[in-house]
PDB file of N, CA and C in Angstrom:
ATOM      1  N   UNK A   1      -7.859  -9.991  13.661  1.00  0.00           N
ATOM      2  CA  UNK A   1      -7.124  -8.805  13.272  1.00  0.00           C
ATOM      3  C   UNK A   1      -6.334  -9.100  12.003  1.00  0.00           C
ATOM      4  N   UNK A   2      -6.378  -8.192  11.070  1.00  0.00           N
ATOM      5  CA  UNK A   2      -5.628  -8.284   9.826  1.00  0.00           C
ATOM      6  C   UNK A   2      -4.660  -7.109   9.787  1.00  0.00           C
ATOM      7  N   UNK A   3      -3.368  -7.388   9.593  1.00  0.00           N
ATOM      8  CA  UNK A   3      -2.371  -6.312   9.537  1.00  0.00           C
ATOM      9  C   UNK A   3      -2.450  -5.533   8.236  1.00  0.00           C
ATOM     10  N   UNK A   4      -2.597  -6.254   7.110  1.00  0.00           N
ATOM     11  CA  UNK A   4      -2.563  -5.627   5.795  1.00  0.00           C
ATOM     12  C   UNK A   4      -3.634  -6.255   4.915  1.00  0.00           C
ATOM     13  N   UNK A   5      -4.319  -5.421   4.148  1.00  0.00           N
ATOM     14  CA  UNK A   5      -5.278  -5.897   3.151  1.00  0.00           C
ATOM     15  C   UNK A   5      -4.858  -5.342   1.793  1.00  0.00           C
ATOM     16  N   UNK A   6      -4.581  -6.239   0.848  1.00  0.00           N
ATOM     17  CA  UNK A   6      -4.200  -5.843  -0.504  1.00  0.00           C
ATOM     18  C   UNK A   6      -5.426  -5.914  -1.412  1.00  0.00           C
ATOM     19  N   UNK A   7      -5.581  -4.930  -2.262  1.00  0.00           N
ATOM     20  CA  UNK A   7      -6.641  -4.957  -3.271  1.00  0.00           C
ATOM     21  C   UNK A   7      -6.110  -4.333  -4.550  1.00  0.00           C
ATOM     22  N   UNK A   8      -6.918  -4.347  -5.559  1.00  0.00           N
ATOM     23  CA  UNK A   8      -6.474  -3.806  -6.838  1.00  0.00           C
ATOM     24  C   UNK A   8      -7.615  -3.142  -7.559  1.00  0.00           C
ATOM     25  N   UNK A   9      -7.524  -3.093  -8.848  1.00  0.00           N
ATOM     26  CA  UNK A   9      -8.506  -2.613  -9.794  1.00  0.00           C
ATOM     27  C   UNK A   9      -8.485  -1.101  -9.985  1.00  0.00           C
ATOM     28  N   UNK A  10      -8.330  -0.316  -8.949  1.00  0.00           N
ATOM     29  CA  UNK A  10      -8.236   1.135  -9.136  1.00  0.00           C
ATOM     30  C   UNK A  10      -6.936   1.457  -9.857  1.00  0.00           C
ATOM     31  N   UNK A  11      -6.910   2.512 -10.595  1.00  0.00           N
ATOM     32  CA  UNK A  11      -5.751   2.857 -11.418  1.00  0.00           C
ATOM     33  C   UNK A  11      -4.781   3.773 -10.666  1.00  0.00           C
ATOM     34  N   UNK A  12      -4.566   3.457  -9.397  1.00  0.00           N
ATOM     35  CA  UNK A  12      -3.656   4.222  -8.539  1.00  0.00           C
ATOM     36  C   UNK A  12      -2.902   3.239  -7.653  1.00  0.00           C
ATOM     37  N   UNK A  13      -1.847   3.748  -7.020  1.00  0.00           N
ATOM     38  CA  UNK A  13      -1.239   3.029  -5.911  1.00  0.00           C
ATOM     39  C   UNK A  13      -1.529   3.864  -4.675  1.00  0.00           C
ATOM     40  N   UNK A  14      -2.083   3.247  -3.653  1.00  0.00           N
ATOM     41  CA  UNK A  14      -2.363   3.958  -2.406  1.00  0.00           C
ATOM     42  C   UNK A  14      -2.105   3.026  -1.235  1.00  0.00           C
ATOM     43  N   UNK A  15      -1.554   3.597  -0.162  1.00  0.00           N
ATOM     44  CA  UNK A  15      -1.343   2.860   1.087  1.00  0.00           C
ATOM     45  C   UNK A  15      -1.839   3.737   2.215  1.00  0.00           C
ATOM     46  N   UNK A  16      -2.739   3.203   3.021  1.00  0.00           N
ATOM     47  CA  UNK A  16      -3.289   3.989   4.121  1.00  0.00           C
ATOM     48  C   UNK A  16      -2.382   3.949   5.344  1.00  0.00           C
ATOM     49  N   UNK A  17      -2.628   4.876   6.232  1.00  0.00           N
ATOM     50  CA  UNK A  17      -2.092   4.750   7.587  1.00  0.00           C
ATOM     51  C   UNK A  17      -2.746   3.512   8.195  1.00  0.00           C
ATOM     52  N   UNK A  18      -2.203   2.933   9.251  1.00  0.00           N
ATOM     53  CA  UNK A  18      -2.937   1.877   9.947  1.00  0.00           C
ATOM     54  C   UNK A  18      -4.262   2.463  10.463  1.00  0.00           C
ATOM     55  N   UNK A  19      -5.362   1.774  10.189  1.00  0.00           N
ATOM     56  CA  UNK A  19      -6.688   2.267  10.547  1.00  0.00           C
ATOM     57  C   UNK A  19      -7.428   1.251  11.404  1.00  0.00           C
ATOM     58  N   UNK A  20      -8.182   1.774  12.365  1.00  0.00           N
ATOM     59  CA  UNK A  20      -9.088   0.956  13.158  1.00  0.00           C
ATOM     60  C   UNK A  20     -10.340   1.783  13.399  1.00  0.00           C
ATOM     61  N   UNK A  21     -11.489   1.233  13.062  1.00  0.00           N
ATOM     62  CA  UNK A  21     -12.750   1.959  13.226  1.00  0.00           C
ATOM     63  C   UNK A  21     -12.723   3.301  12.493  1.00  0.00           C
ATOM     64  N   UNK A  22     -12.135   3.313  11.320  1.00  0.00           N
ATOM     65  CA  UNK A  22     -12.028   4.517  10.485  1.00  0.00           C
ATOM     66  C   UNK A  22     -11.172   5.620  11.094  1.00  0.00           C
ATOM     67  N   UNK A  23     -10.328   5.271  12.022  1.00  0.00           N
ATOM     68  CA  UNK A  23      -9.438   6.242  12.663  1.00  0.00           C
ATOM     69  C   UNK A  23      -7.990   5.790  12.513  1.00  0.00           C
ATOM     70  N   UNK A  24      -7.086   6.741  12.369  1.00  0.00           N
ATOM     71  CA  UNK A  24      -5.654   6.451  12.307  1.00  0.00           C
ATOM     72  C   UNK A  24      -5.176   5.974  13.677  1.00  0.00           C
ATOM     73  N   UNK A  25      -4.382   4.881  13.676  1.00  0.00           N
ATOM     74  CA  UNK A  25      -3.809   4.353  14.918  1.00  0.00           C
ATOM     75  C   UNK A  25      -2.292   4.295  14.773  1.00  0.00           C
ATOM     76  N   UNK A  26      -1.602   3.920  15.850  1.00  0.00           N
ATOM     77  CA  UNK A  26      -0.144   4.019  15.893  1.00  0.00           C
ATOM     78  C   UNK A  26       0.614   2.964  15.085  1.00  0.00           C
ATOM     79  N   UNK A  27       0.006   1.858  14.749  1.00  0.00           N
ATOM     80  CA  UNK A  27       0.756   0.848  14.007  1.00  0.00           C
ATOM     81  C   UNK A  27      -0.127  -0.293  13.545  1.00  0.00           C
ATOM     82  N   UNK A  28       0.461  -1.169  12.724  1.00  0.00           N
ATOM     83  CA  UNK A  28      -0.288  -2.299  12.174  1.00  0.00           C
ATOM     84  C   UNK A  28      -0.763  -3.263  13.254  1.00  0.00           C
ATOM     85  N   UNK A  29      -0.125  -3.251  14.414  1.00  0.00           N
ATOM     86  CA  UNK A  29      -0.580  -4.123  15.496  1.00  0.00           C
ATOM     87  C   UNK A  29      -1.919  -3.640  16.074  1.00  0.00           C
ATOM     88  N   UNK A  30      -2.270  -2.377  15.810  1.00  0.00           N
ATOM     89  CA  UNK A  30      -3.514  -1.810  16.337  1.00  0.00           C
ATOM     90  C   UNK A  30      -4.582  -1.593  15.268  1.00  0.00           C
ATOM     91  N   UNK A  31      -4.203  -1.723  14.005  1.00  0.00           N
ATOM     92  CA  UNK A  31      -5.155  -1.480  12.928  1.00  0.00           C
ATOM     93  C   UNK A  31      -4.710  -2.176  11.659  1.00  0.00           C
ATOM     94  N   UNK A  32      -5.369  -1.874  10.586  1.00  0.00           N
ATOM     95  CA  UNK A  32      -5.095  -2.500   9.300  1.00  0.00           C
ATOM     96  C   UNK A  32      -4.563  -1.463   8.321  1.00  0.00           C
ATOM     97  N   UNK A  33      -3.537  -1.825   7.561  1.00  0.00           N
ATOM     98  CA  UNK A  33      -3.028  -1.012   6.467  1.00  0.00           C
ATOM     99  C   UNK A  33      -3.686  -1.528   5.192  1.00  0.00           C
ATOM    100  N   UNK A  34      -4.309  -0.636   4.441  1.00  0.00           N
ATOM    101  CA  UNK A  34      -4.979  -1.009   3.200  1.00  0.00           C
ATOM    102  C   UNK A  34      -4.127  -0.547   2.022  1.00  0.00           C
ATOM    103  N   UNK A  35      -3.837  -1.477   1.118  1.00  0.00           N
ATOM    104  CA  UNK A  35      -3.006  -1.193  -0.048  1.00  0.00           C
ATOM    105  C   UNK A  35      -3.840  -1.419  -1.307  1.00  0.00           C
ATOM    106  N   UNK A  36      -3.932  -0.395  -2.125  1.00  0.00           N
ATOM    107  CA  UNK A  36      -4.561  -0.521  -3.438  1.00  0.00           C
ATOM    108  C   UNK A  36      -3.447  -0.484  -4.461  1.00  0.00           C
ATOM    109  N   UNK A  37      -3.243  -1.597  -5.113  1.00  0.00           N
ATOM    110  CA  UNK A  37      -2.152  -1.717  -6.079  1.00  0.00           C
ATOM    111  C   UNK A  37      -2.761  -1.886  -7.464  1.00  0.00           C
ATOM    112  N   UNK A  38      -2.956  -0.780  -8.138  1.00  0.00           N
ATOM    113  CA  UNK A  38      -3.610  -0.811  -9.432  1.00  0.00           C
ATOM    114  C   UNK A  38      -2.648  -0.544 -10.562  1.00  0.00           C
ATOM    115  N   UNK A  39      -3.222  -0.417 -11.712  1.00  0.00           N
ATOM    116  CA  UNK A  39      -2.526  -0.043 -12.944  1.00  0.00           C
ATOM    117  C   UNK A  39      -1.675  -1.153 -13.511  1.00  0.00           C
ATOM    118  N   UNK A  40      -2.334  -2.009 -14.255  1.00  0.00           N
ATOM    119  CA  UNK A  40      -1.592  -2.998 -15.009  1.00  0.00           C
ATOM    120  C   UNK A  40      -1.790  -2.799 -16.505  1.00  0.00           C
ATOM    121  N   UNK A  41      -2.729  -1.940 -16.872  1.00  0.00           N
ATOM    122  CA  UNK A  41      -2.998  -1.694 -18.281  1.00  0.00           C
ATOM    123  C   UNK A  41      -2.754  -0.248 -18.654  1.00  0.00           C
ATOM    124  N   UNK A  42      -3.538   0.265 -19.586  1.00  0.00           N
ATOM    125  CA  UNK A  42      -3.326   1.618 -20.097  1.00  0.00           C
ATOM    126  C   UNK A  42      -4.327   2.634 -19.572  1.00  0.00           C
ATOM    127  N   UNK A  43      -5.369   2.196 -18.898  1.00  0.00           N
ATOM    128  CA  UNK A  43      -6.401   3.102 -18.389  1.00  0.00           C
ATOM    129  C   UNK A  43      -5.859   3.938 -17.239  1.00  0.00           C
ATOM    130  N   UNK A  44      -6.271   5.217 -17.162  1.00  0.00           N
ATOM    131  CA  UNK A  44      -5.847   6.111 -16.074  1.00  0.00           C
ATOM    132  C   UNK A  44      -7.003   7.030 -15.706  1.00  0.00           C
ATOM    133  N   UNK A  45      -7.067   7.421 -14.441  1.00  0.00           N
ATOM    134  CA  UNK A  45      -8.077   8.366 -13.962  1.00  0.00           C
ATOM    135  C   UNK A  45      -7.394   9.681 -13.647  1.00  0.00           C
ATOM    136  N   UNK A  46      -7.666  10.701 -14.420  1.00  0.00           N
ATOM    137  CA  UNK A  46      -7.034  11.998 -14.214  1.00  0.00           C
ATOM    138  C   UNK A  46      -7.600  12.735 -13.001  1.00  0.00           C
ATOM    139  N   UNK A  47      -8.843  12.435 -12.617  1.00  0.00           N
ATOM    140  CA  UNK A  47      -9.490  13.167 -11.523  1.00  0.00           C
ATOM    141  C   UNK A  47      -9.320  12.490 -10.166  1.00  0.00           C
ATOM    142  N   UNK A  48      -8.608  11.397 -10.103  1.00  0.00           N
ATOM    143  CA  UNK A  48      -8.416  10.680  -8.852  1.00  0.00           C
ATOM    144  C   UNK A  48      -7.577  11.514  -7.884  1.00  0.00           C
ATOM    145  N   UNK A  49      -7.991  11.521  -6.605  1.00  0.00           N
ATOM    146  CA  UNK A  49      -7.294  12.324  -5.593  1.00  0.00           C
ATOM    147  C   UNK A  49      -7.024  11.497  -4.337  1.00  0.00           C
ATOM    148  N   UNK A  50      -5.973  11.867  -3.624  1.00  0.00           N
ATOM    149  CA  UNK A  50      -5.651  11.209  -2.352  1.00  0.00           C
ATOM    150  C   UNK A  50      -6.761  11.480  -1.339  1.00  0.00           C
ATOM    151  N   UNK A  51      -6.937  10.521  -0.454  1.00  0.00           N
ATOM    152  CA  UNK A  51      -7.910  10.643   0.631  1.00  0.00           C
ATOM    153  C   UNK A  51      -7.158  10.977   1.924  1.00  0.00           C
ATOM    154  N   UNK A  52      -7.840  11.522   2.922  1.00  0.00           N
ATOM    155  CA  UNK A  52      -7.167  11.882   4.182  1.00  0.00           C
ATOM    156  C   UNK A  52      -6.480  10.707   4.873  1.00  0.00           C
ATOM    157  N   UNK A  53      -6.940   9.494   4.625  1.00  0.00           N
ATOM    158  CA  UNK A  53      -6.360   8.313   5.275  1.00  0.00           C
ATOM    159  C   UNK A  53      -5.177   7.724   4.500  1.00  0.00           C
ATOM    160  N   UNK A  54      -4.858   8.283   3.340  1.00  0.00           N
ATOM    161  CA  UNK A  54      -3.735   7.787   2.552  1.00  0.00           C
ATOM    162  C   UNK A  54      -2.412   8.334   3.073  1.00  0.00           C
ATOM    163  N   UNK A  55      -1.520   7.434   3.440  1.00  0.00           N
ATOM    164  CA  UNK A  55      -0.163   7.842   3.810  1.00  0.00           C
ATOM    165  C   UNK A  55       0.676   8.032   2.551  1.00  0.00           C
ATOM    166  N   UNK A  56       0.454   7.176   1.558  1.00  0.00           N
ATOM    167  CA  UNK A  56       1.138   7.275   0.262  1.00  0.00           C
ATOM    168  C   UNK A  56       0.075   7.182  -0.816  1.00  0.00           C
ATOM    169  N   UNK A  57       0.159   8.056  -1.803  1.00  0.00           N
ATOM    170  CA  UNK A  57      -0.805   8.049  -2.905  1.00  0.00           C
ATOM    171  C   UNK A  57      -0.075   8.397  -4.186  1.00  0.00           C
ATOM    172  N   UNK A  58      -0.326   7.630  -5.240  1.00  0.00           N
ATOM    173  CA  UNK A  58       0.351   7.877  -6.501  1.00  0.00           C
ATOM    174  C   UNK A  58      -0.604   7.522  -7.648  1.00  0.00           C
ATOM    175  N   UNK A  59      -1.179   8.546  -8.320  1.00  0.00           N
ATOM    176  CA  UNK A  59      -1.963   8.238  -9.522  1.00  0.00           C
ATOM    177  C   UNK A  59      -0.977   7.825 -10.612  1.00  0.00           C
ATOM    178  N   UNK A  60      -1.164   6.685 -11.157  1.00  0.00           N
ATOM    179  CA  UNK A  60      -0.126   6.073 -11.989  1.00  0.00           C
ATOM    180  C   UNK A  60      -0.291   6.364 -13.468  1.00  0.00           C
ATOM    181  N   UNK A  61       0.825   6.556 -14.130  1.00  0.00           N
ATOM    182  CA  UNK A  61       0.806   6.708 -15.575  1.00  0.00           C
ATOM    183  C   UNK A  61       1.473   5.523 -16.264  1.00  0.00           C
ATOM    184  N   UNK A  62       1.870   4.509 -15.483  1.00  0.00           N
ATOM    185  CA  UNK A  62       2.427   3.287 -16.049  1.00  0.00           C
ATOM    186  C   UNK A  62       2.153   2.124 -15.094  1.00  0.00           C
ATOM    187  N   UNK A  63       2.207   0.902 -15.589  1.00  0.00           N
ATOM    188  CA  UNK A  63       1.964  -0.264 -14.729  1.00  0.00           C
ATOM    189  C   UNK A  63       2.967  -0.342 -13.571  1.00  0.00           C
ATOM    190  N   UNK A  64       2.543  -1.024 -12.503  1.00  0.00           N
ATOM    191  CA  UNK A  64       3.407  -1.225 -11.336  1.00  0.00           C
ATOM    192  C   UNK A  64       3.423  -2.692 -10.958  1.00  0.00           C
ATOM    193  N   UNK A  65       4.363  -3.024 -10.074  1.00  0.00           N
ATOM    194  CA  UNK A  65       4.350  -4.338  -9.442  1.00  0.00           C
ATOM    195  C   UNK A  65       4.895  -4.205  -8.033  1.00  0.00           C
ATOM    196  N   UNK A  66       4.533  -5.160  -7.180  1.00  0.00           N
ATOM    197  CA  UNK A  66       4.960  -5.181  -5.787  1.00  0.00           C
ATOM    198  C   UNK A  66       5.786  -6.426  -5.531  1.00  0.00           C
ATOM    199  N   UNK A  67       6.749  -6.302  -4.626  1.00  0.00           N
ATOM    200  CA  UNK A  67       7.416  -7.475  -4.079  1.00  0.00           C
ATOM    201  C   UNK A  67       7.152  -7.480  -2.584  1.00  0.00           C
ATOM    202  N   UNK A  68       6.975  -8.663  -2.032  1.00  0.00           N
ATOM    203  CA  UNK A  68       6.730  -8.819  -0.602  1.00  0.00           C
ATOM    204  C   UNK A  68       7.740  -9.825  -0.088  1.00  0.00           C
ATOM    205  N   UNK A  69       8.524  -9.417   0.904  1.00  0.00           N
ATOM    206  CA  UNK A  69       9.535 -10.299   1.485  1.00  0.00           C
ATOM    207  C   UNK A  69       9.251 -10.472   2.976  1.00  0.00           C
ATOM    208  N   UNK A  70       9.063 -11.711   3.386  1.00  0.00           N
ATOM    209  CA  UNK A  70       8.780 -12.027   4.785  1.00  0.00           C
ATOM    210  C   UNK A  70      10.006 -12.693   5.369  1.00  0.00           C
ATOM    211  N   UNK A  71      10.486 -12.148   6.484  1.00  0.00           N
ATOM    212  CA  UNK A  71      11.627 -12.712   7.201  1.00  0.00           C
ATOM    213  C   UNK A  71      11.296 -12.719   8.687  1.00  0.00           C
ATOM    214  N   UNK A  72      11.266 -13.882   9.252  1.00  0.00           N
ATOM    215  CA  UNK A  72      11.034 -14.049  10.693  1.00  0.00           C
ATOM    216  C   UNK A  72       9.844 -13.211  11.138  1.00  0.00           C
ATOM    217  N   UNK A  73      10.073 -12.067  11.756  1.00  0.00           N
ATOM    218  CA  UNK A  73       8.981 -11.282  12.314  1.00  0.00           C
ATOM    219  C   UNK A  73       8.732  -9.982  11.554  1.00  0.00           C
ATOM    220  N   UNK A  74       9.240  -9.877  10.331  1.00  0.00           N
ATOM    221  CA  UNK A  74       9.015  -8.650   9.564  1.00  0.00           C
ATOM    222  C   UNK A  74       8.543  -8.960   8.148  1.00  0.00           C
ATOM    223  N   UNK A  75       7.880  -7.976   7.570  1.00  0.00           N
ATOM    224  CA  UNK A  75       7.443  -8.070   6.185  1.00  0.00           C
ATOM    225  C   UNK A  75       7.760  -6.742   5.512  1.00  0.00           C
ATOM    226  N   UNK A  76       8.466  -6.805   4.382  1.00  0.00           N
ATOM    227  CA  UNK A  76       8.812  -5.596   3.643  1.00  0.00           C
ATOM    228  C   UNK A  76       8.126  -5.635   2.287  1.00  0.00           C
ATOM    229  N   UNK A  77       7.509  -4.502   1.937  1.00  0.00           N
ATOM    230  CA  UNK A  77       6.829  -4.371   0.658  1.00  0.00           C
ATOM    231  C   UNK A  77       7.527  -3.266  -0.129  1.00  0.00           C
ATOM    232  N   UNK A  78       7.899  -3.589  -1.359  1.00  0.00           N
ATOM    233  CA  UNK A  78       8.469  -2.598  -2.263  1.00  0.00           C
ATOM    234  C   UNK A  78       7.554  -2.510  -3.480  1.00  0.00           C
ATOM    235  N   UNK A  79       7.339  -1.277  -3.928  1.00  0.00           N
ATOM    236  CA  UNK A  79       6.464  -1.033  -5.070  1.00  0.00           C
ATOM    237  C   UNK A  79       7.292  -0.363  -6.158  1.00  0.00           C
ATOM    238  N   UNK A  80       7.228  -0.925  -7.351  1.00  0.00           N
ATOM    239  CA  UNK A  80       8.038  -0.457  -8.469  1.00  0.00           C
ATOM    240  C   UNK A  80       7.163  -0.051  -9.647  1.00  0.00           C
ATOM    241  N   UNK A  81       7.623   0.926 -10.407  1.00  0.00           N
ATOM    242  CA  UNK A  81       6.998   1.216 -11.697  1.00  0.00           C
ATOM    243  C   UNK A  81       7.431   0.126 -12.676  1.00  0.00           C
ATOM    244  N   UNK A  82       6.775   0.077 -13.802  1.00  0.00           N
ATOM    245  CA  UNK A  82       7.155  -0.879 -14.830  1.00  0.00           C
ATOM    246  C   UNK A  82       8.584  -0.694 -15.310  1.00  0.00           C
ATOM    247  N   UNK A  83       9.110   0.522 -15.157  1.00  0.00           N
ATOM    248  CA  UNK A  83      10.485   0.825 -15.561  1.00  0.00           C
ATOM    249  C   UNK A  83      11.505   0.509 -14.464  1.00  0.00           C
ATOM    250  N   UNK A  84      11.021   0.122 -13.258  1.00  0.00           N
ATOM    251  CA  UNK A  84      11.927  -0.277 -12.183  1.00  0.00           C
ATOM    252  C   UNK A  84      12.191   0.758 -11.114  1.00  0.00           C
ATOM    253  N   UNK A  85      11.567   1.953 -11.198  1.00  0.00           N
ATOM    254  CA  UNK A  85      11.739   2.963 -10.159  1.00  0.00           C
ATOM    255  C   UNK A  85      10.907   2.596  -8.928  1.00  0.00           C
ATOM    256  N   UNK A  86      11.472   2.788  -7.737  1.00  0.00           N
ATOM    257  CA  UNK A  86      10.749   2.503  -6.491  1.00  0.00           C
ATOM    258  C   UNK A  86       9.832   3.677  -6.180  1.00  0.00           C
ATOM    259  N   UNK A  87       8.534   3.388  -5.962  1.00  0.00           N
ATOM    260  CA  UNK A  87       7.615   4.450  -5.570  1.00  0.00           C
ATOM    261  C   UNK A  87       7.164   4.315  -4.116  1.00  0.00           C
ATOM    262  N   UNK A  88       7.418   3.167  -3.496  1.00  0.00           N
ATOM    263  CA  UNK A  88       7.125   3.000  -2.072  1.00  0.00           C
ATOM    264  C   UNK A  88       7.938   1.819  -1.556  1.00  0.00           C
ATOM    265  N   UNK A  89       8.367   1.923  -0.316  1.00  0.00           N
ATOM    266  CA  UNK A  89       9.154   0.877   0.334  1.00  0.00           C
ATOM    267  C   UNK A  89       8.846   0.971   1.824  1.00  0.00           C
ATOM    268  N   UNK A  90       8.201  -0.045   2.387  1.00  0.00           N
ATOM    269  CA  UNK A  90       7.797   0.015   3.783  1.00  0.00           C
ATOM    270  C   UNK A  90       7.817  -1.372   4.402  1.00  0.00           C
ATOM    271  N   UNK A  91       7.791  -1.400   5.719  1.00  0.00           N
ATOM    272  CA  UNK A  91       7.865  -2.680   6.423  1.00  0.00           C
ATOM    273  C   UNK A  91       7.011  -2.617   7.687  1.00  0.00           C
ATOM    274  N   UNK A  92       6.562  -3.797   8.109  1.00  0.00           N
ATOM    275  CA  UNK A  92       5.939  -3.923   9.414  1.00  0.00           C
ATOM    276  C   UNK A  92       6.703  -4.978  10.182  1.00  0.00           C
ATOM    277  N   UNK A  93       6.711  -4.831  11.482  1.00  0.00           N
ATOM    278  CA  UNK A  93       7.364  -5.775  12.382  1.00  0.00           C
ATOM    279  C   UNK A  93       6.295  -6.392  13.266  1.00  0.00           C
ATOM    280  N   UNK A  94       6.325  -7.696  13.399  1.00  0.00           N
ATOM    281  CA  UNK A  94       5.405  -8.404  14.294  1.00  0.00           C
ATOM    282  C   UNK A  94       6.200  -8.791  15.538  1.00  0.00           C
ATOM    283  N   UNK A  95       5.716  -8.386  16.655  1.00  0.00           N
ATOM    284  CA  UNK A  95       6.357  -8.724  17.914  1.00  0.00           C
ATOM    285  C   UNK A  95       5.735  -9.997  18.468  1.00  0.00           C
ATOM    286  N   UNK A  96       6.550 -10.822  19.093  1.00  0.00           N
ATOM    287  CA  UNK A  96       6.040 -12.039  19.718  1.00  0.00           C
ATOM    288  C   UNK A  96       5.109 -11.679  20.851  1.00  0.00           C
ATOM    289  N   UNK A  97       4.047 -12.459  20.968  1.00  0.00           N
ATOM    290  CA  UNK A  97       3.092 -12.181  22.053  1.00  0.00           C
ATOM    291  C   UNK A  97       3.227 -13.182  23.149  1.00  0.00           C
TER     292      UNK A  97
END
């Protein structure tokens, strides 16, 4: 099981709901959150659209960066524009098994 999968290359920022078998589930413990963290250059796709599985979607007009902070049983991800504005801030909690 993978809680989060990070990828890039697309010129958008997108974060899915937790998914399992192409279906939305209640949390990262039951599925995987897919993050597409794109836009480091000047290219942009004007026709790009959010998909039904996207919880957060942002077609970008400027570069972005992510920070990931892991503490004990939680992980927080913050996504910033190149100018420093926050466009997403989320966390997952891992419970002891």
